[in-house]
Protein backbone atom coordinates (compact mmCIF):
# COMPACT_ATOMS: atom_id res chain seq x y z
CA MET A 1 -16.91 -36.75 2.56
CA THR A 2 -19.55 -33.42 2.90
CA LYS A 3 -17.89 -29.65 3.58
CA THR A 4 -18.86 -28.44 6.28
CA LEU A 5 -18.27 -24.59 6.60
CA PHE A 6 -18.24 -22.44 9.76
CA LEU A 7 -20.05 -18.96 9.26
CA THR A 8 -19.75 -15.67 11.97
CA GLY A 9 -22.73 -13.34 11.64
CA ALA A 10 -24.91 -16.00 9.97
CA SER A 11 -27.97 -14.84 11.62
CA SER A 12 -28.94 -12.15 8.70
CA GLY A 13 -28.12 -10.42 5.77
CA ILE A 14 -24.94 -11.78 4.35
CA GLY A 15 -24.46 -14.40 6.34
CA ALA A 16 -27.84 -16.03 6.38
CA ALA A 17 -27.88 -15.71 2.45
CA THR A 18 -24.45 -17.24 2.55
CA ALA A 19 -26.00 -20.28 4.64
CA ARG A 20 -28.66 -20.90 2.41
CA ALA A 21 -25.90 -20.75 -0.60
CA ALA A 22 -24.02 -23.59 0.79
CA ALA A 23 -26.79 -25.58 1.93
CA LYS A 24 -28.19 -25.66 -1.02
CA ALA A 25 -24.44 -26.22 -3.10
CA GLY A 26 -24.57 -29.64 -0.50
CA TRP A 27 -22.64 -28.07 2.57
CA ASN A 28 -22.60 -28.73 5.68
CA ILE A 29 -22.57 -24.96 8.04
CA GLY A 30 -22.01 -24.13 11.90
CA LEU A 31 -23.80 -20.90 12.06
CA PHE A 32 -22.28 -18.67 14.63
CA ALA A 33 -24.05 -15.47 15.93
CA ARG A 34 -25.97 -14.23 19.23
CA SER A 35 -29.58 -14.15 18.01
CA GLU A 36 -30.28 -18.12 18.98
CA ASP A 37 -33.55 -17.94 17.78
CA LYS A 38 -33.19 -16.35 14.45
CA LEU A 39 -30.06 -19.05 14.46
CA ASN A 40 -32.72 -21.75 15.45
CA ASP A 41 -35.32 -20.23 12.68
CA LEU A 42 -32.39 -20.64 9.88
CA ALA A 43 -31.66 -24.10 11.03
CA ASP A 44 -35.07 -25.25 10.77
CA GLU A 45 -34.99 -23.90 7.40
CA ILE A 46 -32.08 -25.50 6.48
CA GLY A 47 -32.30 -28.92 8.11
CA ASP A 48 -29.79 -31.40 9.22
CA GLN A 49 -27.20 -29.89 7.04
CA ALA A 50 -27.20 -26.79 9.62
CA LEU A 51 -25.69 -26.98 13.51
CA VAL A 52 -26.45 -23.59 15.62
CA LEU A 53 -23.73 -22.24 17.85
CA VAL A 54 -24.41 -19.77 19.53
CA GLY A 55 -22.00 -17.08 20.44
CA ASP A 56 -20.51 -13.19 20.49
CA ALA A 57 -17.12 -13.07 17.54
CA THR A 58 -15.47 -10.42 19.57
CA ASP A 59 -15.00 -13.89 22.43
CA TYR A 60 -12.06 -15.87 21.31
CA ASP A 61 -13.14 -18.47 23.41
CA ALA A 62 -16.37 -19.05 22.40
CA GLN A 63 -15.35 -19.27 18.56
CA LYS A 64 -12.56 -21.75 19.47
CA GLN A 65 -15.22 -23.55 21.22
CA ALA A 66 -17.85 -23.37 18.46
CA ILE A 67 -15.53 -24.09 15.48
CA ASP A 68 -14.28 -27.43 17.39
CA LYS A 69 -17.58 -28.78 18.59
CA LEU A 70 -18.46 -27.84 14.70
CA ALA A 71 -15.83 -30.24 13.86
CA ASP A 72 -16.80 -32.78 16.07
CA HIS A 73 -20.33 -32.88 15.14
CA PHE A 74 -19.46 -33.16 10.99
CA GLY A 75 -16.36 -34.60 11.30
CA GLN A 76 -13.95 -31.41 9.94
CA VAL A 77 -13.88 -28.00 8.99
CA ASP A 78 -13.18 -27.44 5.62
CA ALA A 79 -13.97 -23.56 5.75
CA ALA A 80 -14.98 -20.51 7.54
CA PHE A 81 -16.06 -17.55 6.51
CA ALA A 82 -15.21 -14.56 9.10
CA ASN A 83 -18.52 -12.52 8.36
CA ALA A 84 -19.58 -10.67 11.27
CA GLY A 85 -19.02 -6.81 11.33
CA ARG A 86 -21.21 -3.78 12.05
CA GLY A 87 -20.44 -0.13 11.31
CA THR A 88 -20.81 2.77 14.11
CA SER A 89 -22.66 5.79 14.97
CA SER A 90 -20.99 8.48 14.43
CA ALA A 91 -18.89 9.54 11.54
CA GLY A 92 -15.62 10.78 11.25
CA THR A 93 -12.69 11.19 13.98
CA GLU A 94 -14.02 14.85 15.36
CA ASN A 95 -17.60 13.96 16.38
CA GLY A 96 -16.64 9.74 16.48
CA ASP A 97 -17.32 8.14 19.82
CA PRO A 98 -14.04 6.09 20.56
CA GLN A 99 -15.77 3.26 22.63
CA ASP A 100 -18.05 2.99 20.16
CA TRP A 101 -14.98 2.68 17.46
CA LYS A 102 -13.07 0.00 20.07
CA VAL A 103 -16.49 -1.89 19.97
CA MET A 104 -16.47 -1.48 16.11
CA VAL A 105 -12.94 -2.90 15.67
CA ASP A 106 -13.26 -5.19 18.19
CA LEU A 107 -15.81 -7.31 15.85
CA ASN A 108 -14.76 -6.50 12.44
CA ILE A 109 -11.06 -6.98 13.63
CA MET A 110 -10.51 -8.66 16.10
CA GLY A 111 -13.50 -11.13 14.94
CA ALA A 112 -12.26 -12.27 12.12
CA LEU A 113 -8.76 -12.63 13.85
CA TYR A 114 -10.08 -14.91 16.28
CA THR A 115 -11.83 -16.32 13.64
CA ALA A 116 -8.35 -17.30 11.86
CA HIS A 117 -6.88 -18.65 14.61
CA ALA A 118 -9.14 -20.59 16.15
CA ALA A 119 -10.26 -22.50 12.12
CA MET A 120 -6.44 -22.80 11.14
CA PRO A 121 -5.42 -25.69 12.51
CA HIS A 122 -8.80 -27.60 11.42
CA LEU A 123 -8.17 -25.84 8.02
CA ARG A 124 -4.78 -27.38 8.06
CA LYS A 125 -6.04 -30.86 8.39
CA THR A 126 -8.30 -30.33 5.19
CA THR A 127 -6.42 -27.84 3.21
CA GLY A 128 -8.69 -25.93 3.56
CA GLN A 129 -9.99 -21.45 2.95
CA TYR A 130 -10.71 -18.90 4.97
CA VAL A 131 -13.10 -16.00 3.50
CA VAL A 132 -13.66 -12.81 5.27
CA THR A 133 -15.99 -9.58 4.33
CA GLY A 134 -14.12 -6.68 3.54
CA SER A 135 -15.70 -3.85 1.40
CA ALA A 136 -15.84 -1.44 -1.25
CA ALA A 137 -15.01 0.81 1.51
CA GLY A 138 -11.85 -0.38 2.20
CA ARG A 139 -10.42 -0.29 -1.54
CA ARG A 140 -10.85 3.57 -1.15
CA HIS A 141 -10.66 7.01 1.28
CA ILE A 142 -13.97 7.58 2.53
CA GLN A 143 -13.80 11.01 3.93
CA GLY A 144 -13.44 10.63 8.10
CA SER A 145 -14.83 7.00 7.80
CA ILE A 146 -13.26 5.02 10.35
CA TYR A 147 -15.57 1.73 9.31
CA GLY A 148 -13.80 2.20 6.26
CA ALA A 149 -10.41 1.85 8.45
CA THR A 150 -11.27 -1.12 9.56
CA LYS A 151 -12.44 -2.77 6.24
CA TRP A 152 -8.44 -1.53 4.26
CA PHE A 153 -7.04 -3.80 7.84
CA ILE A 154 -9.27 -6.36 6.73
CA HIS A 155 -8.22 -6.08 2.55
CA GLY A 156 -4.40 -6.10 3.96
CA TYR A 157 -5.09 -8.90 6.60
CA ALA A 158 -6.40 -11.49 3.65
CA GLY A 159 -3.44 -10.63 1.23
CA ASN A 160 -1.21 -11.35 3.14
CA LEU A 161 -2.56 -14.84 4.98
CA ALA A 162 -3.56 -15.78 1.60
CA ASP A 163 0.47 -16.00 1.61
CA GLU A 164 0.58 -17.53 4.49
CA MET A 165 -1.99 -20.34 3.84
CA ALA A 166 -0.63 -21.15 0.43
CA GLU A 167 2.60 -22.41 2.30
CA TRP A 168 0.02 -25.81 3.08
CA GLY A 169 -1.98 -25.43 -0.16
CA GLY A 170 -5.04 -23.16 1.79
CA ARG A 171 -6.48 -20.27 0.58
CA CYS A 172 -7.46 -17.21 1.90
CA MET A 173 -10.25 -15.04 -0.01
CA VAL A 174 -11.35 -11.19 0.57
CA VAL A 175 -14.99 -10.47 -0.84
CA SER A 176 -15.84 -6.51 -1.18
CA PRO A 177 -19.15 -5.62 -1.49
CA GLY A 178 -20.47 -2.24 -2.31
CA MET A 179 -23.66 -1.22 -0.69
CA VAL A 180 -25.83 -3.92 0.13
CA ASP A 181 -29.26 -4.08 0.99
CA THR A 182 -29.34 -5.61 4.35
CA ALA A 183 -30.32 -4.33 8.17
CA PHE A 184 -26.49 -2.88 8.15
CA PHE A 185 -28.45 0.05 7.03
CA ASP A 186 -31.39 2.05 8.36
CA GLU A 187 -33.70 2.41 5.27
CA ALA A 188 -34.14 -0.42 2.82
CA LYS A 189 -31.81 -0.34 -0.67
CA PRO A 190 -33.62 -2.29 -2.90
CA ASP A 191 -31.31 -1.26 -5.73
CA LYS A 192 -28.11 -1.62 -4.70
CA LEU A 193 -26.67 -5.63 -4.46
CA GLN A 194 -28.75 -7.99 -2.42
CA PRO A 195 -27.48 -10.63 -0.10
CA LYS A 196 -27.60 -13.79 -1.62
CA ASP A 197 -25.40 -11.60 -4.48
CA VAL A 198 -22.50 -11.83 -2.12
CA ALA A 199 -23.55 -15.49 -0.82
CA ASP A 200 -22.79 -16.29 -4.59
CA ALA A 201 -19.59 -14.30 -4.79
CA VAL A 202 -18.42 -16.41 -1.71
CA MET A 203 -19.52 -19.85 -2.93
CA HIS A 204 -17.37 -19.11 -6.41
CA ALA A 205 -14.64 -19.54 -4.34
CA LEU A 206 -15.15 -21.68 -1.76
CA GLU A 207 -16.19 -24.41 -5.06
CA ALA A 208 -13.19 -23.33 -7.27
CA PRO A 209 -11.11 -25.97 -8.41
CA ALA A 210 -7.53 -26.61 -5.98
CA ARG A 211 -5.87 -25.25 -8.11
CA ALA A 212 -7.31 -22.03 -8.52
CA ALA A 213 -6.87 -19.55 -5.79
CA VAL A 214 -9.45 -16.59 -5.78
CA ARG A 215 -7.82 -13.94 -3.99
CA GLU A 216 -10.60 -11.23 -3.73
CA ILE A 217 -14.37 -10.83 -5.80
CA HIS A 218 -15.10 -7.42 -5.43
CA LEU A 219 -18.92 -6.49 -6.47
CA MET A 220 -20.51 -3.41 -6.99
CA PRO A 221 -24.03 -2.12 -7.67
CA THR A 222 -24.75 -1.44 -11.41
CA GLY A 223 -26.99 1.51 -10.36
């Protein structure tokens, strides 16, 4: 049976690139994000392998219902990629906006936890995989970066979850890119990593043989 991927933050950037890469590799994809128009355009491009699942990653019930719907539609869920995330508007602690921090933490941390919790019953059935987007910012200290601290959490959580899932043969991988040319930044970064570079790394982990648990892939632009 064709494998199926649940993907948050699917409407653009790394998410959309991963959806295209997964479809090319023969996977079915559940496209989860808030932007229905963008998801519909992407689904039209991919074809019958894609299922549009509109929702907010900070809403646990929305994620659970979407994953359950995906499993019903394609028969199973073999992997979940918690990719949705955002930065913060003001840098640092003293000059930061606590309410903006909360919105970011709800998405970057709780959203990823919600994906894992909602997907786990399905992944157990398929001895599946959980993938989450970390960051180079979660591997080093950056002056005052609250965003970086959310990614430190993701890196620690992914390692812990990898050990938990290993008890039943499941696999967990964190992909940690440096600067990627996406809408995350106000200006284009053509000399940096491209979304497809990160998508290819994700697919390397998803397509690895069952004997190989790829726990982390760290990518940096060469420039």
